[in-house]
Amino acid sequence: MRLAGKKIGILLESDFYEHEIWYYNYRFPEEGAEVHFLTRLWGQPSLTFTGHEYKAPFVCTESFENMDDETLRSYSALIIPSAMVSDRLRYSENLAELPPATDLMRRAFAEPGIVKGIICHGLWLMSRTPELIRGRRLVCHPNLYGDALNMGARYEDADVVVDDDLVTGRTGAQAGAFARTLIERLSGDREPVGAGRRS
């Protein structure tokens, strides 16, 4: 099991892409990883989110709110999934402050030991922190191509792009290739830095 001892956090909210989330829920543990679905619980013990395609329920009991540095560093990877998850998580009741999920990723970007996985519309979550994306090689959903350029990213036409500790995927349809690349990256059995994967 290539990911034994590794811990992966996956951000979650409603309108998630069921096939992607279900796949991660089985695939990463299959390699020995400990998977945590993280969200804003708003003071609740749990929240039930619904998927985008089938309105399937998913109960989330773990919050990233107020996560301390030690806990953050215990994660080998943090993933921003596709669909509308990132749009919902980028809400902030105080516009002068970063949304908690964006702030979590800001802190994660300061930790090169944490692999950052962003797929499809997940790039939306980083819109308030373009300095973290500027100059990085990535791919995203075609609808976010302009957003990527405005953030100063170096867009590549590939299903999955690896830029050191940043792994990006085109759409939720590439969740399999995205997960495989993350597994390779986390296990040390990976492609050269900056490699793209085309299908």
Protein backbone atom coordinates (compact mmCIF):
# COMPACT_ATOMS: atom_id res chain seq x y z
CA MET A 1 0.00 0.00 0.00
CA ARG A 2 1.85 3.01 -1.35
CA LEU A 3 0.15 5.63 0.83
CA ALA A 4 0.32 3.91 4.20
CA GLY A 5 0.76 6.55 6.88
CA LYS A 6 -0.37 9.36 4.57
CA LYS A 7 -3.31 11.62 5.39
CA ILE A 8 -5.40 13.30 2.68
CA GLY A 9 -7.91 16.09 3.27
CA ILE A 10 -10.70 16.69 0.75
CA LEU A 11 -12.76 19.88 1.01
CA LEU A 12 -16.50 19.36 0.71
CA GLU A 13 -19.73 21.29 0.30
CA SER A 14 -23.02 20.81 -1.53
CA ASP A 15 -23.18 20.41 -5.31
CA PHE A 16 -20.18 18.07 -5.29
CA TYR A 17 -19.65 15.70 -8.23
CA GLU A 18 -20.68 12.34 -6.81
CA HIS A 19 -18.58 10.13 -9.09
CA GLU A 20 -15.45 12.06 -8.14
CA ILE A 21 -16.03 12.08 -4.38
CA TRP A 22 -17.10 8.44 -4.28
CA TYR A 23 -14.00 7.50 -6.25
CA TYR A 24 -11.66 9.30 -3.85
CA ASN A 25 -13.49 7.75 -0.90
CA TYR A 26 -12.47 4.28 -2.10
CA ARG A 27 -9.31 4.82 -4.16
CA PHE A 28 -7.10 6.61 -1.66
CA PRO A 29 -7.84 4.20 1.22
CA GLU A 30 -7.15 1.35 -1.20
CA GLU A 31 -3.54 2.63 -1.23
CA GLY A 32 -3.50 2.89 2.56
CA ALA A 33 -4.22 6.62 2.93
CA GLU A 34 -6.34 8.04 5.73
CA VAL A 35 -9.00 10.26 4.11
CA HIS A 36 -10.74 13.18 5.83
CA PHE A 37 -13.59 15.18 4.30
CA LEU A 38 -13.35 18.71 5.63
CA THR A 39 -15.81 21.60 5.56
CA ARG A 40 -17.19 24.57 7.49
CA LEU A 41 -19.54 23.16 10.07
CA TRP A 42 -20.77 26.56 11.30
CA GLY A 43 -20.85 25.29 14.88
CA GLN A 44 -22.82 22.16 14.00
CA PRO A 45 -21.64 18.62 14.87
CA SER A 46 -22.28 17.56 11.28
CA LEU A 47 -23.75 18.76 8.00
CA THR A 48 -25.30 16.74 5.20
CA PHE A 49 -24.39 17.90 1.72
CA THR A 50 -26.04 16.85 -1.53
CA GLY A 51 -24.39 15.97 -4.79
CA HIS A 52 -24.83 17.78 -8.09
CA GLU A 53 -25.89 14.94 -10.37
CA TYR A 54 -28.10 12.73 -8.21
CA LYS A 55 -28.63 14.84 -5.06
CA ALA A 56 -26.94 12.00 -3.16
CA PRO A 57 -26.36 12.85 0.53
CA PHE A 58 -22.92 12.96 2.12
CA VAL A 59 -22.56 13.52 5.86
CA CYS A 60 -19.51 15.56 6.84
CA THR A 61 -18.39 15.67 10.49
CA GLU A 62 -14.95 17.31 10.29
CA SER A 63 -14.22 21.02 10.12
CA PHE A 64 -11.16 22.85 8.84
CA GLU A 65 -12.16 25.91 10.86
CA ASN A 66 -9.51 26.94 13.39
CA MET A 67 -7.17 24.15 12.28
CA ASP A 68 -3.82 24.67 13.98
CA ASP A 69 -0.48 24.46 12.18
CA GLU A 70 0.43 21.08 13.63
CA THR A 71 -2.79 19.53 12.38
CA LEU A 72 -2.41 21.18 8.98
CA ARG A 73 1.10 19.77 8.62
CA SER A 74 -0.20 16.29 9.44
CA TYR A 75 -1.82 16.23 5.99
CA SER A 76 0.18 14.94 3.06
CA ALA A 77 -2.30 16.46 0.60
CA LEU A 78 -5.29 18.78 0.48
CA ILE A 79 -7.71 18.52 -2.44
CA ILE A 80 -10.16 21.10 -3.77
CA PRO A 81 -12.62 19.01 -5.81
CA SER A 82 -14.66 19.89 -8.86
CA ALA A 83 -18.24 21.14 -9.37
CA MET A 84 -19.59 23.91 -7.08
CA VAL A 85 -17.73 22.98 -3.88
CA SER A 86 -15.17 25.77 -4.22
CA ASP A 87 -17.77 28.39 -5.09
CA ARG A 88 -19.73 27.59 -1.94
CA LEU A 89 -16.59 27.49 0.21
CA ARG A 90 -15.32 30.85 -1.01
CA TYR A 91 -18.19 32.64 0.71
CA SER A 92 -17.11 35.05 3.43
CA GLU A 93 -19.47 36.95 5.69
CA ASN A 94 -16.70 39.51 6.20
CA LEU A 95 -15.39 40.70 2.83
CA ALA A 96 -12.32 42.19 4.48
CA GLU A 97 -11.17 38.68 5.46
CA LEU A 98 -10.33 35.67 3.36
CA PRO A 99 -12.94 32.90 3.39
CA PRO A 100 -11.77 30.25 5.89
CA ALA A 101 -11.28 27.65 3.14
CA THR A 102 -9.16 30.05 1.08
CA ASP A 103 -7.14 30.93 4.16
CA LEU A 104 -6.58 27.23 4.83
CA MET A 105 -5.20 26.82 1.31
CA ARG A 106 -3.07 29.96 1.73
CA ARG A 107 -1.46 28.34 4.74
CA ALA A 108 -1.10 25.04 2.89
CA PHE A 109 0.71 26.78 0.01
CA ALA A 110 3.28 27.95 2.55
CA GLU A 111 3.99 24.28 3.36
CA PRO A 112 5.87 22.62 0.46
CA GLY A 113 5.46 19.26 2.20
CA ILE A 114 1.72 19.39 1.58
CA VAL A 115 0.64 18.52 -1.96
CA LYS A 116 -2.10 20.84 -3.17
CA GLY A 117 -4.60 19.16 -5.51
CA ILE A 118 -6.99 21.40 -7.46
CA ILE A 119 -9.31 20.02 -10.11
CA CYS A 120 -11.81 21.60 -12.50
CA HIS A 121 -13.66 24.56 -10.92
CA GLY A 122 -11.65 24.13 -7.70
CA LEU A 123 -9.46 27.00 -8.88
CA TRP A 124 -12.29 29.37 -7.92
CA LEU A 125 -11.30 28.99 -4.27
CA MET A 126 -7.94 30.60 -5.01
CA SER A 127 -9.34 33.72 -6.73
CA ARG A 128 -8.67 35.92 -3.66
CA THR A 129 -5.03 34.81 -3.52
CA PRO A 130 -3.74 35.08 -7.11
CA GLU A 131 -0.18 35.53 -5.83
CA LEU A 132 -0.19 31.84 -4.87
CA ILE A 133 -1.06 30.81 -8.43
CA ARG A 134 0.97 33.39 -10.35
CA GLY A 135 3.65 31.74 -12.45
CA ARG A 136 2.49 28.21 -11.62
CA ARG A 137 1.82 25.67 -14.35
CA LEU A 138 -1.70 24.28 -14.20
CA VAL A 139 -4.83 23.14 -15.98
CA CYS A 140 -8.43 23.83 -15.03
CA HIS A 141 -11.92 23.61 -16.50
CA PRO A 142 -12.07 25.42 -19.87
CA ASN A 143 -14.62 27.84 -18.36
CA LEU A 144 -11.94 29.02 -15.91
CA TYR A 145 -9.26 29.58 -18.55
CA GLY A 146 -9.69 33.37 -18.31
CA ASP A 147 -9.59 33.18 -14.51
CA ALA A 148 -6.32 31.25 -14.68
CA LEU A 149 -4.79 33.85 -17.01
CA ASN A 150 -6.00 36.70 -14.78
CA MET A 151 -4.36 35.00 -11.82
CA GLY A 152 -1.08 34.88 -13.73
CA ALA A 153 -1.01 31.10 -14.12
CA ARG A 154 0.78 29.31 -16.95
CA TYR A 155 -2.06 27.29 -18.44
CA GLU A 156 -1.26 23.94 -20.05
CA ASP A 157 -3.57 21.94 -22.30
CA ALA A 158 -3.32 18.61 -20.48
CA ASP A 159 -5.64 16.43 -18.41
CA VAL A 160 -3.35 16.64 -15.37
CA VAL A 161 -0.45 19.00 -14.72
CA VAL A 162 2.17 18.61 -11.98
CA ASP A 163 4.11 21.69 -10.86
CA ASP A 164 6.12 20.49 -7.89
CA ASP A 165 3.70 20.52 -4.91
CA LEU A 166 0.72 21.60 -7.06
CA VAL A 167 -1.28 18.98 -8.96
CA THR A 168 -4.17 20.18 -11.12
CA GLY A 169 -6.79 18.41 -13.20
CA ARG A 170 -8.94 19.57 -16.10
CA THR A 171 -12.44 18.41 -15.07
CA GLY A 172 -14.16 15.94 -12.78
CA ALA A 173 -14.12 13.50 -15.69
CA GLN A 174 -10.34 13.27 -15.18
CA ALA A 175 -10.69 12.41 -11.47
CA GLY A 176 -9.15 8.98 -12.10
CA ALA A 177 -6.01 10.37 -13.77
CA PHE A 178 -5.87 13.15 -11.17
CA ALA A 179 -6.04 10.67 -8.28
CA ARG A 180 -3.46 8.41 -9.93
CA THR A 181 -1.08 11.35 -10.31
CA LEU A 182 -1.59 12.37 -6.67
CA ILE A 183 -0.86 8.81 -5.57
CA GLU A 184 2.32 8.78 -7.66
CA ARG A 185 3.36 12.16 -6.26
CA LEU A 186 2.69 11.19 -2.64
CA SER A 187 4.39 7.82 -2.95
CA GLY A 188 7.49 9.32 -4.53
CA ASP A 189 6.83 7.31 -7.69
CA ARG A 190 6.11 10.34 -9.82
CA GLU A 191 6.74 12.02 -13.13
CA PRO A 192 9.34 14.80 -13.42
CA VAL A 193 8.40 18.15 -11.84
CA GLY A 194 6.05 20.10 -14.09
CA ALA A 195 5.05 17.07 -16.14
CA GLY A 196 1.73 17.16 -17.94
CA ARG A 197 -0.43 14.15 -18.71
CA ARG A 198 -2.37 14.26 -21.96
CA SER A 199 -5.06 11.84 -23.07
